[in-house]
Each structure stands twice: as structure tokens, then as C-alpha cells.
Amino acid sequence: MRLNQILVLFFISTLTLPAQILNIEKSRIEVDTGDYFRFNTTLSLSSFNRSADVENPVNLFGFNAQFNAIRKKGKHALILINQTDYLRINENPFLNTGFTHIRGHFWRESKRSLEIYTQYSYDNFRQMNPRILFGTNARLAIVKNKKVSLYFGGGPVFEWERWTHPQTDEVINVEFLKLNTYTSFRASINENIDFNTLIYYQVGYDESITDFRHRVALTSNIITKITQRLSLNIGFEIQYEDKPIVPITPLIYSIRNGLSYSF
């Protein structure tokens, strides 16, 4: 394999192909007492033209941007999460994915709480644009203290998607109701290191194929404080769909390292 191909593949491997199931727990790292507004943003940018072959140059430009915000007032909270990944090789957009997620969390300090959420997402790399969903979860705190928390949640979610078949360019629209469940675990290892992991399982009956579709996802994050406002984030995500809408890879994963600044 040529050096420039290796460089491109290495860069792609460091990008997150944003799973359509996201780790909402990354937005719950604040202490659940008092009223507050918090947000953090992460931005990474890469560009190079390190081509070994003058006849086949490789000019690469890519960026990743994240913006998370939480507003807590009284017993309730509003959470906003945005993420965008973009990669262009020469003049061709190779990767263009992202999502916006809005969630209301009611009675969030109680053992039993309620979540209502909506999400818009797109993934041009996998020929999906867009996915729109609306859902609600009942959330149960199994263990909750300053060091460790364990939650279980579940509820219905309505999902609408538009896909383009990679071989025929046929546009396929699907919509169905799913059962969404998740288990969330978070541990504060010490005052500077926070770990969280989230496992999702979704299942829904799709009348277009007269069968059930299953989706499983796992996502984990380690957040290490460097200073009071600056943190190092290391994340891993893996997602599997047993029956993709169009013929694409059913298993995707990503690894991300980055810095976050909060204020």
C-alpha cells in the first residue's frame, strides 16, 4: 500500500463515524445539585498534502466539531448536543456526518425520572440523509452516589429515515416504532478522572420487510482533567445493526482522542 493511502486510512480511523445512538451520559458529568448552565466545545482540524506520488497527489482536509450544553433549573434540565465530522480528499467530500440532539430530563434528581428527546442526524458516508426520531424514556436510578452511578432506561421511539442504495441510487424511505432500552454506568475514579459507558439495545418491527430490526451499541468515555477547564477525552464507540436498510457494513466502530474546554 502506498504511503499516501496509509496516511489517509490512518486519518479516517481517528474520526468518529457518529453512531446514531449517542452517549447522552457525557452531558451528565456535572453535580446534580443547584441551578446552573454549562457548556463545552471541542474542535479539531487537520490538513495535509504529504503525497509521495507527484502524479497522484493527496490533499486532505478534515475537521470535527462538538458542542454540548445543559441548562438545569429546579428539578428539570434541558440538554443540547451537536456533533459534525467532515473529511475531504482532493476535491471529493469523503465523509460528512453529524447530528443535533435535544433532550428534556424531568425530575432528574429523583430515583425515577422521565426523558423526552428528538434528534436529527445525517451520514452521507453511509448514504443516510436524514434520520429523524422522537422518543421518551422512563429512567431508573439503581445506584447513585458521588462516586458511582448505574441507571436503566427504556421507552418507545419513532424513527424516520431516508437512505440511498449505493449501487442503484434508489431512494428508500422507512419509518417504524421501536423499543429503546439502555444501561448507563459512570464512575469517578478520582477527582480528575471520570469514566462512563452506555449500552443501548433497540428493536422494532418493519412492515416493509415483515421482520424485526435490531440495533446494539456500546460507547465508553474517559474524561481526564488537565486543568479546571481543560480536559482530555478518550472515547470508543461500536454499533451493530442486523438488517441494514441498504447493503452497507453492519458493524461500525470509532476511537476518538481530543481536548475539551468548558466554561
Protein backbone atom coordinates (compact mmCIF):
# COMPACT_ATOMS: atom_id res chain seq x y z
CA MET A 1 0.00 0.00 0.00
CA ARG A 2 1.33 3.46 -0.88
CA LEU A 3 2.34 5.86 1.86
CA ASN A 4 -0.33 8.39 0.95
CA GLN A 5 -3.03 5.70 1.16
CA ILE A 6 -1.78 4.70 4.60
CA LEU A 7 -1.90 8.31 5.76
CA VAL A 8 -5.47 8.69 4.54
CA LEU A 9 -6.60 5.47 6.22
CA PHE A 10 -4.88 6.47 9.48
CA PHE A 11 -6.65 9.84 9.47
CA ILE A 12 -10.03 8.26 8.79
CA SER A 13 -9.52 5.82 11.66
CA THR A 14 -9.18 8.74 14.11
CA LEU A 15 -12.53 10.23 13.10
CA THR A 16 -15.75 9.22 14.77
CA LEU A 17 -18.34 7.86 12.39
CA PRO A 18 -21.10 9.20 14.57
CA ALA A 19 -23.31 6.36 15.63
CA GLN A 20 -26.99 7.21 15.50
CA ILE A 21 -27.16 6.10 19.12
CA LEU A 22 -25.17 8.56 21.19
CA ASN A 23 -23.80 8.66 24.70
CA ILE A 24 -26.04 11.17 26.42
CA GLU A 25 -24.20 10.44 29.69
CA LYS A 26 -21.30 12.63 28.56
CA SER A 27 -23.58 15.57 29.33
CA ARG A 28 -24.27 14.44 32.91
CA ILE A 29 -20.82 14.98 34.41
CA GLU A 30 -21.98 17.96 36.44
CA VAL A 31 -23.12 17.59 40.06
CA ASP A 32 -26.90 17.18 40.22
CA THR A 33 -27.50 19.95 42.77
CA GLY A 34 -28.42 23.59 42.33
CA ASP A 35 -29.31 25.52 39.19
CA TYR A 36 -26.68 26.01 36.54
CA PHE A 37 -25.86 26.43 32.87
CA ARG A 38 -22.83 24.63 31.46
CA PHE A 39 -21.46 24.02 28.01
CA ASN A 40 -18.28 22.70 26.46
CA THR A 41 -16.93 22.61 22.94
CA THR A 42 -14.32 20.50 21.16
CA LEU A 43 -12.79 21.35 17.79
CA SER A 44 -10.11 19.53 15.81
CA LEU A 45 -8.76 20.44 12.37
CA SER A 46 -6.39 18.54 10.05
CA SER A 47 -4.92 19.36 6.65
CA PHE A 48 -2.01 17.93 4.70
CA ASN A 49 -0.70 17.25 1.18
CA ARG A 50 2.00 14.71 2.04
CA SER A 51 1.82 12.91 -1.26
CA ALA A 52 4.60 10.55 -2.32
CA ASP A 53 3.46 10.44 -5.95
CA VAL A 54 3.52 13.68 -7.93
CA GLU A 55 1.08 12.21 -10.47
CA ASN A 56 -1.42 11.18 -7.80
CA PRO A 57 -1.42 13.93 -5.17
CA VAL A 58 -3.41 13.62 -1.97
CA ASN A 59 -4.71 16.83 -0.44
CA LEU A 60 -6.65 16.15 2.72
CA PHE A 61 -8.77 18.50 4.80
CA GLY A 62 -10.91 17.44 7.75
CA PHE A 63 -12.46 18.75 10.93
CA ASN A 64 -14.52 17.60 13.87
CA ALA A 65 -16.65 19.93 15.99
CA GLN A 66 -18.72 19.19 19.09
CA PHE A 67 -20.91 21.46 21.20
CA ASN A 68 -22.69 20.27 24.34
CA ALA A 69 -24.85 22.36 26.66
CA ILE A 70 -27.01 21.69 29.69
CA ARG A 71 -29.42 24.04 31.48
CA LYS A 72 -30.68 22.84 34.84
CA LYS A 73 -33.49 24.66 36.57
CA GLY A 74 -35.16 23.27 39.65
CA LYS A 75 -35.99 19.60 39.21
CA HIS A 76 -35.61 19.59 35.42
CA ALA A 77 -32.90 20.01 32.78
CA LEU A 78 -32.58 20.69 29.07
CA ILE A 79 -29.66 19.10 27.20
CA LEU A 80 -28.35 20.02 23.74
CA ILE A 81 -25.70 18.01 21.87
CA ASN A 82 -24.24 18.79 18.43
CA GLN A 83 -21.52 16.97 16.51
CA THR A 84 -20.11 17.31 12.99
CA ASP A 85 -17.40 15.31 11.17
CA TYR A 86 -16.13 16.29 7.72
CA LEU A 87 -13.34 14.92 5.54
CA ARG A 88 -12.40 15.98 2.01
CA ILE A 89 -9.79 14.17 -0.09
CA ASN A 90 -8.65 16.32 -3.02
CA GLU A 91 -11.92 17.83 -4.29
CA ASN A 92 -14.16 14.98 -3.17
CA PRO A 93 -16.08 15.06 0.12
CA PHE A 94 -15.32 11.64 1.59
CA LEU A 95 -17.02 11.88 4.98
CA ASN A 96 -19.84 14.19 6.03
CA THR A 97 -21.76 13.20 9.14
CA GLY A 98 -23.37 14.85 12.11
CA PHE A 99 -26.36 15.18 14.42
CA THR A 100 -28.29 17.54 16.68
CA HIS A 101 -29.91 16.07 19.79
CA ILE A 102 -32.27 17.84 22.20
CA ARG A 103 -33.44 16.20 25.41
CA GLY A 104 -35.60 17.25 28.32
CA HIS A 105 -34.97 15.44 31.59
CA PHE A 106 -37.73 15.85 34.20
CA TRP A 107 -37.37 15.18 37.95
CA ARG A 108 -33.76 14.25 37.18
CA GLU A 109 -32.65 14.12 40.82
CA SER A 110 -35.31 11.53 41.72
CA LYS A 111 -34.82 7.78 41.60
CA ARG A 112 -37.43 7.63 38.84
CA SER A 113 -37.41 10.28 36.13
CA LEU A 114 -38.68 10.93 32.61
CA GLU A 115 -36.84 11.87 29.41
CA ILE A 116 -38.29 13.27 26.18
CA TYR A 117 -35.99 13.74 23.20
CA THR A 118 -35.69 14.41 19.49
CA GLN A 119 -32.76 14.04 17.12
CA TYR A 120 -31.83 14.98 13.57
CA SER A 121 -28.83 13.22 12.03
CA TYR A 122 -27.19 12.55 8.68
CA ASP A 123 -24.44 10.24 7.45
CA ASN A 124 -23.61 10.81 3.80
CA PHE A 125 -20.77 8.30 4.00
CA ARG A 126 -23.31 5.54 4.70
CA GLN A 127 -25.92 7.02 2.31
CA MET A 128 -28.35 8.14 5.03
CA ASN A 129 -29.77 11.66 4.98
CA PRO A 130 -31.61 12.30 7.19
CA ARG A 131 -32.72 10.30 10.21
CA ILE A 132 -35.34 11.98 12.41
CA LEU A 133 -36.59 10.48 15.65
CA PHE A 134 -38.82 11.30 18.61
CA GLY A 135 -38.87 9.29 21.81
CA THR A 136 -39.41 9.11 25.54
CA ASN A 137 -37.75 7.07 28.29
CA ALA A 138 -38.59 6.11 31.84
CA ARG A 139 -35.27 6.27 33.74
CA LEU A 140 -34.49 4.38 36.95
CA ALA A 141 -31.53 5.11 39.22
CA ILE A 142 -30.30 1.75 40.51
CA VAL A 143 -27.18 3.14 42.22
CA LYS A 144 -26.48 6.84 42.64
CA ASN A 145 -23.82 8.49 44.77
CA LYS A 146 -20.88 10.86 44.34
CA LYS A 147 -18.54 8.11 43.11
CA VAL A 148 -20.69 5.65 41.16
CA SER A 149 -23.99 5.71 39.29
CA LEU A 150 -25.93 2.99 37.49
CA TYR A 151 -29.12 3.71 35.51
CA PHE A 152 -31.57 1.76 33.41
CA GLY A 153 -33.93 3.40 30.94
CA GLY A 154 -36.40 2.43 28.27
CA GLY A 155 -39.36 3.54 26.20
CA PRO A 156 -40.82 3.92 22.70
CA VAL A 157 -39.10 5.84 19.89
CA PHE A 158 -40.45 6.71 16.45
CA GLU A 159 -37.82 6.73 13.71
CA TRP A 160 -37.98 8.00 10.12
CA GLU A 161 -35.05 7.53 7.72
CA ARG A 162 -34.17 8.20 4.10
CA TRP A 163 -31.47 6.05 2.51
CA THR A 164 -29.90 5.93 -0.95
CA HIS A 165 -28.98 2.50 -2.31
CA PRO A 166 -25.20 2.55 -3.01
CA GLN A 167 -25.49 0.54 -6.26
CA THR A 168 -28.79 1.63 -7.79
CA ASP A 169 -29.23 5.15 -6.30
CA GLU A 170 -32.77 4.14 -5.33
CA VAL A 171 -34.14 6.33 -2.53
CA ILE A 172 -35.70 4.31 0.29
CA ASN A 173 -37.87 5.88 3.00
CA VAL A 174 -38.64 3.85 6.12
CA GLU A 175 -40.47 4.60 9.34
CA PHE A 176 -41.34 2.42 12.31
CA LEU A 177 -41.83 2.40 16.05
CA LYS A 178 -39.09 0.87 18.21
CA LEU A 179 -38.50 -0.15 21.78
CA ASN A 180 -35.39 1.61 23.06
CA THR A 181 -33.54 0.42 26.20
CA TYR A 182 -30.23 1.41 27.74
CA THR A 183 -27.97 0.75 30.71
CA SER A 184 -25.65 3.52 31.89
CA PHE A 185 -22.69 3.26 34.25
CA ARG A 186 -20.45 6.08 35.47
CA ALA A 187 -17.60 6.10 37.97
CA SER A 188 -15.44 8.91 39.29
CA ILE A 189 -12.12 7.12 39.67
CA ASN A 190 -10.64 10.13 41.42
CA GLU A 191 -11.18 13.90 41.40
CA ASN A 192 -9.55 14.19 37.96
CA ILE A 193 -10.74 11.09 36.08
CA ASP A 194 -14.34 10.30 35.13
CA PHE A 195 -15.40 7.13 33.26
CA ASN A 196 -18.77 6.38 31.71
CA THR A 197 -20.15 3.66 29.49
CA LEU A 198 -23.52 3.18 27.87
CA ILE A 199 -25.11 0.10 26.26
CA TYR A 200 -28.15 0.53 24.01
CA TYR A 201 -30.50 -2.05 22.55
CA GLN A 202 -33.26 -1.14 20.10
CA VAL A 203 -35.77 -3.37 18.34
CA GLY A 204 -38.65 -2.55 16.02
CA TYR A 205 -40.93 -4.32 13.56
CA ASP A 206 -40.51 -3.07 10.00
CA GLU A 207 -43.54 -3.81 7.83
CA SER A 208 -41.52 -3.22 4.66
CA ILE A 209 -39.57 -6.46 5.33
CA THR A 210 -42.17 -8.07 7.64
CA ASP A 211 -39.46 -8.68 10.21
CA PHE A 212 -37.82 -7.17 13.27
CA ARG A 213 -34.75 -4.94 13.04
CA HIS A 214 -32.25 -4.99 15.92
CA ARG A 215 -29.58 -2.46 16.83
CA VAL A 216 -26.96 -2.76 19.60
CA ALA A 217 -24.44 -0.10 20.57
CA LEU A 218 -21.76 0.39 23.19
CA THR A 219 -19.98 3.66 23.85
CA SER A 220 -17.39 4.48 26.53
CA ASN A 221 -15.54 7.65 27.53
CA ILE A 222 -12.71 8.54 29.86
CA ILE A 223 -12.55 12.22 30.79
CA THR A 224 -9.31 13.36 32.45
CA LYS A 225 -9.00 16.87 33.89
CA ILE A 226 -5.79 18.66 32.93
CA THR A 227 -6.81 21.98 34.46
CA GLN A 228 -10.04 23.28 35.96
CA ARG A 229 -11.42 24.00 32.48
CA LEU A 230 -9.32 21.83 30.13
CA SER A 231 -9.87 18.06 29.84
CA LEU A 232 -8.57 15.15 27.77
CA ASN A 233 -11.33 12.96 26.32
CA ILE A 234 -10.81 9.40 25.08
CA GLY A 235 -13.84 7.72 23.55
CA PHE A 236 -14.73 4.37 21.96
CA GLU A 237 -17.94 3.51 20.12
CA ILE A 238 -19.19 0.36 18.41
CA GLN A 239 -22.57 -0.25 16.78
CA TYR A 240 -24.17 -3.26 15.08
CA GLU A 241 -27.37 -3.49 13.01
CA ASP A 242 -28.51 -6.95 11.96
CA LYS A 243 -30.52 -5.80 8.93
CA PRO A 244 -29.24 -2.54 7.41
CA ILE A 245 -31.76 -0.71 5.23
CA VAL A 246 -29.29 -0.72 2.33
CA PRO A 247 -26.28 -3.04 1.75
CA ILE A 248 -23.64 -1.41 3.96
CA THR A 249 -21.29 -2.62 6.68
CA PRO A 250 -23.48 -3.72 9.62
CA LEU A 251 -20.72 -3.15 12.20
CA ILE A 252 -19.03 0.23 12.67
CA TYR A 253 -16.67 1.47 15.36
CA SER A 254 -14.65 4.56 16.19
CA ILE A 255 -11.93 5.76 18.55
CA ARG A 256 -11.51 9.42 19.43
CA ASN A 257 -8.96 11.43 21.38
CA GLY A 258 -9.43 15.15 21.93
CA LEU A 259 -9.34 18.14 24.23
CA SER A 260 -12.38 19.88 25.68
CA TYR A 261 -12.66 23.36 27.13
CA SER A 262 -15.53 24.14 29.48
CA PHE A 263 -16.76 27.46 30.85
